[in-house]
Protein backbone atom coordinates (compact mmCIF):
# COMPACT_ATOMS: atom_id res chain seq x y z
CA UNK A 1 -12.12 112.71 -46.21
CA UNK A 2 -15.75 111.68 -46.07
CA UNK A 3 -17.63 114.51 -47.69
CA UNK A 4 -16.34 114.88 -51.33
CA UNK A 5 -13.88 112.84 -53.51
CA UNK A 6 -10.94 115.02 -54.18
CA UNK A 7 -8.36 115.16 -57.00
CA UNK A 8 -10.81 113.45 -59.46
CA UNK A 9 -9.08 114.98 -62.54
CA UNK A 10 -5.68 114.02 -61.22
CA UNK A 11 -6.74 110.47 -60.58
CA UNK A 12 -8.27 110.22 -63.92
CA UNK A 13 -4.99 111.25 -65.51
CA UNK A 14 -3.18 108.66 -63.30
CA UNK A 15 -5.70 106.08 -64.80
CA UNK A 16 -5.14 107.21 -68.31
CA UNK A 17 -1.38 107.19 -68.07
CA UNK A 18 -1.11 103.84 -66.26
CA UNK A 19 -3.44 102.20 -68.72
CA UNK A 20 -1.74 103.70 -71.82
CA UNK A 21 1.72 103.02 -70.38
CA UNK A 22 1.20 99.42 -69.36
CA UNK A 23 -0.47 98.59 -72.66
CA UNK A 24 2.22 100.36 -74.65
CA UNK A 25 4.91 98.58 -72.66
CA UNK A 26 3.51 95.12 -73.48
CA UNK A 27 2.83 96.04 -77.01
CA UNK A 28 6.36 97.33 -77.72
CA UNK A 29 7.82 94.18 -76.15
CA UNK A 30 5.34 91.79 -77.72
CA UNK A 31 7.66 90.61 -80.45
CA UNK A 32 10.26 89.72 -77.89
CA UNK A 33 7.86 88.29 -75.39
CA UNK A 34 9.36 84.74 -75.50
CA UNK A 35 12.82 86.11 -74.65
CA UNK A 36 11.55 88.46 -71.92
CA UNK A 37 8.85 86.31 -70.24
CA UNK A 38 8.70 83.10 -72.17
CA UNK A 39 10.68 79.86 -72.36
CA UNK A 40 13.69 81.75 -73.67
CA UNK A 41 13.96 83.83 -70.43
CA UNK A 42 13.68 81.02 -67.88
CA UNK A 43 16.08 81.32 -65.04
CA UNK A 44 14.10 79.16 -62.62
CA UNK A 45 11.73 76.18 -62.87
CA UNK A 46 8.07 76.90 -63.61
CA UNK A 47 5.91 77.39 -60.44
CA UNK A 48 4.31 74.17 -59.46
CA UNK A 49 5.38 72.63 -62.79
CA UNK A 50 2.82 74.68 -64.64
CA UNK A 51 4.29 76.16 -67.77
CA UNK A 52 2.86 79.64 -67.68
CA UNK A 53 5.50 80.64 -70.19
CA UNK A 54 4.32 78.37 -72.95
CA UNK A 55 3.96 79.97 -76.33
CA UNK A 56 0.16 80.14 -76.72
CA UNK A 57 -0.51 80.94 -73.11
CA UNK A 58 1.98 83.76 -73.07
CA UNK A 59 0.65 85.15 -76.32
CA UNK A 60 -2.89 85.15 -75.21
CA UNK A 61 -2.02 86.57 -71.89
CA UNK A 62 -0.10 89.46 -73.46
CA UNK A 63 -2.82 90.17 -75.93
CA UNK A 64 -5.46 90.15 -73.28
CA UNK A 65 -3.31 92.47 -71.03
CA UNK A 66 -3.03 94.99 -73.94
CA UNK A 67 -6.81 95.01 -74.33
CA UNK A 68 -7.54 95.48 -70.61
CA UNK A 69 -4.94 98.23 -70.46
CA UNK A 70 -6.72 100.03 -73.36
CA UNK A 71 -10.07 99.70 -71.50
CA UNK A 72 -8.52 101.09 -68.28
CA UNK A 73 -7.08 104.04 -70.38
CA UNK A 74 -10.57 104.91 -71.84
CA UNK A 75 -12.30 104.28 -68.48
CA UNK A 76 -14.66 101.39 -69.43
CA UNK A 77 -15.99 99.79 -66.25
CA UNK A 78 -12.89 100.91 -64.42
CA UNK A 79 -13.92 99.37 -61.16
CA UNK A 80 -13.45 95.98 -62.77
CA UNK A 81 -10.88 96.60 -65.36
CA UNK A 82 -8.37 98.24 -63.10
CA UNK A 83 -8.09 95.22 -60.76
CA UNK A 84 -7.80 92.89 -63.83
CA UNK A 85 -4.95 95.14 -65.04
CA UNK A 86 -3.29 94.93 -61.71
CA UNK A 87 -3.38 91.11 -61.66
CA UNK A 88 -2.22 90.81 -65.18
CA UNK A 89 0.51 93.39 -64.87
CA UNK A 90 1.78 92.05 -61.51
CA UNK A 91 1.87 88.47 -62.95
CA UNK A 92 3.70 89.46 -66.17
CA UNK A 93 6.34 91.80 -64.55
CA UNK A 94 7.02 89.47 -61.72
CA UNK A 95 7.70 86.43 -63.90
CA UNK A 96 11.16 87.67 -64.88
CA UNK A 97 12.46 90.29 -62.40
CA UNK A 98 15.81 90.40 -64.18
CA UNK A 99 14.29 92.64 -66.92
CA UNK A 100 12.10 94.68 -64.59
CA UNK A 101 12.92 98.12 -63.25
CA UNK A 102 11.53 100.32 -60.53
CA UNK A 103 9.25 102.12 -62.93
CA UNK A 104 7.28 98.85 -63.50
CA UNK A 105 7.28 98.18 -59.69
CA UNK A 106 5.76 101.70 -59.13
CA UNK A 107 3.12 101.14 -61.74
CA UNK A 108 2.11 97.92 -59.85
CA UNK A 109 1.94 99.86 -56.51
CA UNK A 110 -0.13 102.67 -58.03
CA UNK A 111 -2.53 100.20 -59.59
CA UNK A 112 -3.17 98.77 -56.07
CA UNK A 113 -4.12 102.22 -54.77
CA UNK A 114 -6.24 102.95 -57.89
CA UNK A 115 -8.33 99.99 -57.15
CA UNK A 116 -9.83 101.92 -54.19
CA UNK A 117 -10.33 105.19 -56.06
CA UNK A 118 -13.14 106.37 -58.39
CA UNK A 119 -10.66 106.63 -61.21
CA UNK A 120 -13.37 107.03 -63.95
CA UNK A 121 -15.16 109.94 -62.48
CA UNK A 122 -13.64 112.16 -65.24
CA UNK A 123 -12.58 111.74 -68.81
CA UNK A 124 -13.94 108.17 -69.26
CA UNK A 125 -16.50 106.20 -70.96
CA UNK A 126 -18.00 105.57 -67.47
CA UNK A 127 -18.58 109.29 -66.93
CA UNK A 128 -20.08 109.77 -70.39
CA UNK A 129 -22.48 106.84 -69.74
CA UNK A 130 -23.50 108.42 -66.40
CA UNK A 131 -24.10 111.79 -68.06
CA UNK A 132 -26.05 110.29 -70.87
CA UNK A 133 -28.20 108.57 -68.38
CA UNK A 134 -28.20 111.54 -66.14
CA UNK A 135 -27.10 109.51 -63.25
CA UNK A 136 -24.30 110.07 -60.73
CA UNK A 137 -22.47 107.94 -58.41
CA UNK A 138 -23.35 108.81 -54.89
CA UNK A 139 -20.13 109.19 -53.02
CA UNK A 140 -21.36 108.43 -49.59
CA UNK A 141 -18.96 108.51 -46.60
CA UNK A 142 -17.48 105.11 -47.31
CA UNK A 143 -16.86 105.61 -51.01
CA UNK A 144 -15.48 109.12 -50.60
CA UNK A 145 -13.26 107.90 -47.77
CA UNK A 146 -11.75 105.03 -49.78
CA UNK A 147 -11.25 107.42 -52.79
CA UNK A 148 -9.52 110.08 -50.71
CA UNK A 149 -7.48 107.44 -48.84
CA UNK A 150 -6.21 106.23 -52.22
CA UNK A 151 -5.30 109.72 -53.21
CA UNK A 152 -3.30 110.29 -50.07
CA UNK A 153 -1.64 106.94 -50.54
CA UNK A 154 -0.60 107.72 -54.03
CA UNK A 155 0.75 111.13 -52.92
CA UNK A 156 2.66 109.66 -50.06
CA UNK A 157 4.06 106.97 -52.29
CA UNK A 158 5.37 109.48 -54.78
CA UNK A 159 6.90 111.65 -52.05
CA UNK A 160 8.63 108.55 -50.57
CA UNK A 161 10.10 107.73 -54.03
CA UNK A 162 11.56 111.28 -54.40
CA UNK A 163 12.79 111.76 -50.94
CA UNK A 164 14.32 108.33 -50.45
CA UNK A 165 15.92 108.55 -53.96
CA UNK A 166 17.49 111.92 -53.01
CA UNK A 167 18.79 110.55 -49.70
CA UNK A 168 20.43 107.53 -51.39
CA UNK A 169 22.00 109.86 -53.94
CA UNK A 170 23.40 112.06 -51.26
CA UNK A 171 25.42 109.07 -49.99
CA UNK A 172 27.34 109.08 -53.33
CA UNK A 173 30.31 111.37 -53.75
CA UNK A 174 29.62 111.87 -57.41
CA UNK A 175 26.18 113.29 -56.53
CA UNK A 176 27.63 115.64 -54.03
CA UNK A 177 30.33 116.97 -56.37
CA UNK A 178 27.93 117.43 -59.28
CA UNK A 179 29.23 114.87 -61.76
CA UNK A 180 26.82 111.87 -61.23
CA UNK A 181 24.64 112.53 -64.30
CA UNK A 182 27.55 112.15 -66.69
CA UNK A 183 28.35 108.56 -65.77
CA UNK A 184 25.21 106.78 -67.00
CA UNK A 185 25.26 108.71 -70.21
CA UNK A 186 28.62 106.91 -70.90
CA UNK A 187 26.99 103.47 -70.88
CA UNK A 188 25.63 102.06 -74.12
CA UNK A 189 22.27 101.13 -72.75
CA UNK A 190 21.59 104.74 -71.67
CA UNK A 191 22.74 106.37 -74.89
CA UNK A 192 19.82 105.99 -77.43
CA UNK A 193 20.96 109.29 -79.07
CA UNK A 194 24.74 109.35 -78.74
CA UNK A 195 25.14 112.96 -80.01
CA UNK A 196 22.66 114.15 -77.49
CA UNK A 197 24.32 112.29 -74.63
CA UNK A 198 27.78 113.59 -75.77
CA UNK A 199 26.43 117.15 -75.87
CA UNK A 200 25.21 116.90 -72.26
CA UNK A 201 28.46 115.15 -70.96
CA UNK A 202 30.68 117.72 -72.75
CA UNK A 203 29.14 120.60 -70.92
CA UNK A 204 30.37 120.57 -67.38
CA UNK A 205 28.08 123.27 -66.13
CA UNK A 206 25.11 121.50 -67.63
CA UNK A 207 26.04 118.15 -65.83
CA UNK A 208 26.36 120.09 -62.54
CA UNK A 209 23.06 121.75 -62.97
CA UNK A 210 21.26 118.49 -63.81
CA UNK A 211 22.92 116.62 -60.92
CA UNK A 212 22.28 119.30 -58.23
CA UNK A 213 18.87 120.14 -59.67
CA UNK A 214 17.79 116.54 -59.56
CA UNK A 215 18.79 116.35 -55.89
CA UNK A 216 17.08 119.63 -55.00
CA UNK A 217 13.73 118.95 -56.69
CA UNK A 218 13.54 115.41 -55.36
CA UNK A 219 14.52 116.33 -51.77
CA UNK A 220 12.11 119.32 -51.28
CA UNK A 221 9.30 117.82 -53.41
CA UNK A 222 6.96 117.16 -50.50
CA UNK A 223 7.46 120.64 -49.11
CA UNK A 224 6.64 122.25 -52.46
CA UNK A 225 3.30 120.34 -52.73
CA UNK A 226 2.08 122.02 -49.58
CA UNK A 227 1.89 125.48 -51.13
CA UNK A 228 -0.33 126.30 -54.06
CA UNK A 229 2.18 128.40 -56.07
CA UNK A 230 5.24 126.34 -55.17
CA UNK A 231 3.29 123.21 -56.29
CA UNK A 232 3.36 124.47 -59.83
CA UNK A 233 7.09 125.01 -59.68
CA UNK A 234 7.68 121.55 -58.18
CA UNK A 235 5.56 119.79 -60.66
CA UNK A 236 7.29 121.62 -63.60
CA UNK A 237 10.60 120.63 -62.07
CA UNK A 238 9.81 116.83 -61.85
CA UNK A 239 8.20 116.98 -65.35
CA UNK A 240 11.40 118.49 -66.83
CA UNK A 241 13.34 115.83 -64.85
CA UNK A 242 11.41 112.96 -66.28
CA UNK A 243 11.28 114.44 -69.83
CA UNK A 244 15.08 114.45 -69.69
CA UNK A 245 15.24 111.00 -68.43
CA UNK A 246 12.79 109.72 -71.08
CA UNK A 247 14.58 111.33 -73.99
CA UNK A 248 18.30 111.62 -73.10
CA UNK A 249 18.55 108.27 -71.28
CA UNK A 250 15.87 106.45 -73.28
CA UNK A 251 13.73 105.37 -70.25
CA UNK A 252 10.25 106.64 -71.50
CA UNK A 253 8.18 104.10 -69.50
CA UNK A 254 9.97 104.67 -66.20
CA UNK A 255 9.26 108.40 -66.56
CA UNK A 256 5.68 107.86 -67.63
CA UNK A 257 4.79 105.72 -64.64
CA UNK A 258 6.33 108.17 -62.14
CA UNK A 259 4.55 111.07 -63.80
CA UNK A 260 1.33 109.17 -63.53
CA UNK A 261 1.69 109.32 -59.69
CA UNK A 262 2.64 113.06 -59.90
CA UNK A 263 -0.76 113.74 -61.41
CA UNK A 264 -2.70 113.39 -58.12
CA UNK A 265 -1.09 116.78 -57.03
CA UNK A 266 -2.78 118.63 -59.87
CA UNK A 267 -5.53 120.95 -58.74
CA UNK A 268 -9.16 120.85 -59.95
CA UNK A 269 -9.63 123.08 -63.05
CA UNK A 270 -11.50 125.89 -61.28
CA UNK A 271 -12.96 126.82 -57.88
CA UNK A 272 -16.10 127.70 -59.86
CA UNK A 273 -16.51 124.20 -61.01
CA UNK A 274 -16.13 122.81 -57.51
CA UNK A 275 -18.67 125.37 -56.16
CA UNK A 276 -21.15 124.29 -58.88
CA UNK A 277 -20.80 120.66 -57.88
CA UNK A 278 -21.55 121.63 -54.22
CA UNK A 279 -24.10 124.45 -54.24
CA UNK A 280 -24.77 124.06 -50.53
CA UNK A 281 -21.30 125.63 -49.84
CA UNK A 282 -20.67 129.38 -50.44
CA UNK A 283 -19.81 129.91 -54.10
CA UNK A 284 -16.82 131.77 -55.54
CA UNK A 285 -19.33 134.03 -57.25
CA UNK A 286 -21.09 135.09 -54.05
CA UNK A 287 -17.81 135.48 -52.24
CA UNK A 288 -16.50 137.97 -54.71
CA UNK A 289 -19.74 139.89 -55.65
CA UNK A 290 -22.04 139.38 -52.69
CA UNK A 291 -24.72 138.24 -55.13
CA UNK A 292 -26.36 134.85 -55.56
CA UNK A 293 -24.74 132.61 -58.11
CA UNK A 294 -26.38 133.00 -61.53
CA UNK A 295 -28.62 130.14 -62.65
């Protein structure tokens, strides 16, 4: 926990997906911002009498949020831009909870944890700038501890989402008898591609596999993450699940934000790369050949 920051590539992917996802969400809904978060969406009095939803203020706020989200995605001064994105995202999505969903809420929670992680250590403008200057961020016990604690918090949050979701599903009879997936596909708001939805609903075996498969992968997800080989199967399972939700049910942002949390379970690219970063430890080369690591 205090020696080395872990899951740096996974955290970088989480940062990229959250930045790209939040920015895209605001950009896609920018034409309807007044109906979603502006005067046209008012269901309560403005807080303190201050009209946060006035036209110019809302337009400037949405435009600024898109820019900040883009900066987070490319990793530009992430230690400052990630907290700024959190504040802007929380403010915007909390203004009208009637149009929010749990994907937006999960993105807000993950951004809180990301504020304490070194999210720009990989694949970012920050890392390129450090490499160009031939400087590195000294982890130190405190920085590494905060980063690794954030990684654990993100992983625990994702596991809670999956397991609690599965337990709530088990309380429903339609989930136990294998028919639950068919019902939302009959609703207009979850049928962006009617022929595709009808194709799924029309195949009883496919509905049953999707229903019970969803329950299984969500319920055992934490256990699968404990084993290196089973972890790959578990991640492939949830990726397939969210790909289906994004395409068949038309919920791309929900799926994207959950997948952003899944990324922390990805392993570092190679053991050799990890050994090269920490030459004081026995390297994979010497363990296999008995010879010193080549220069």
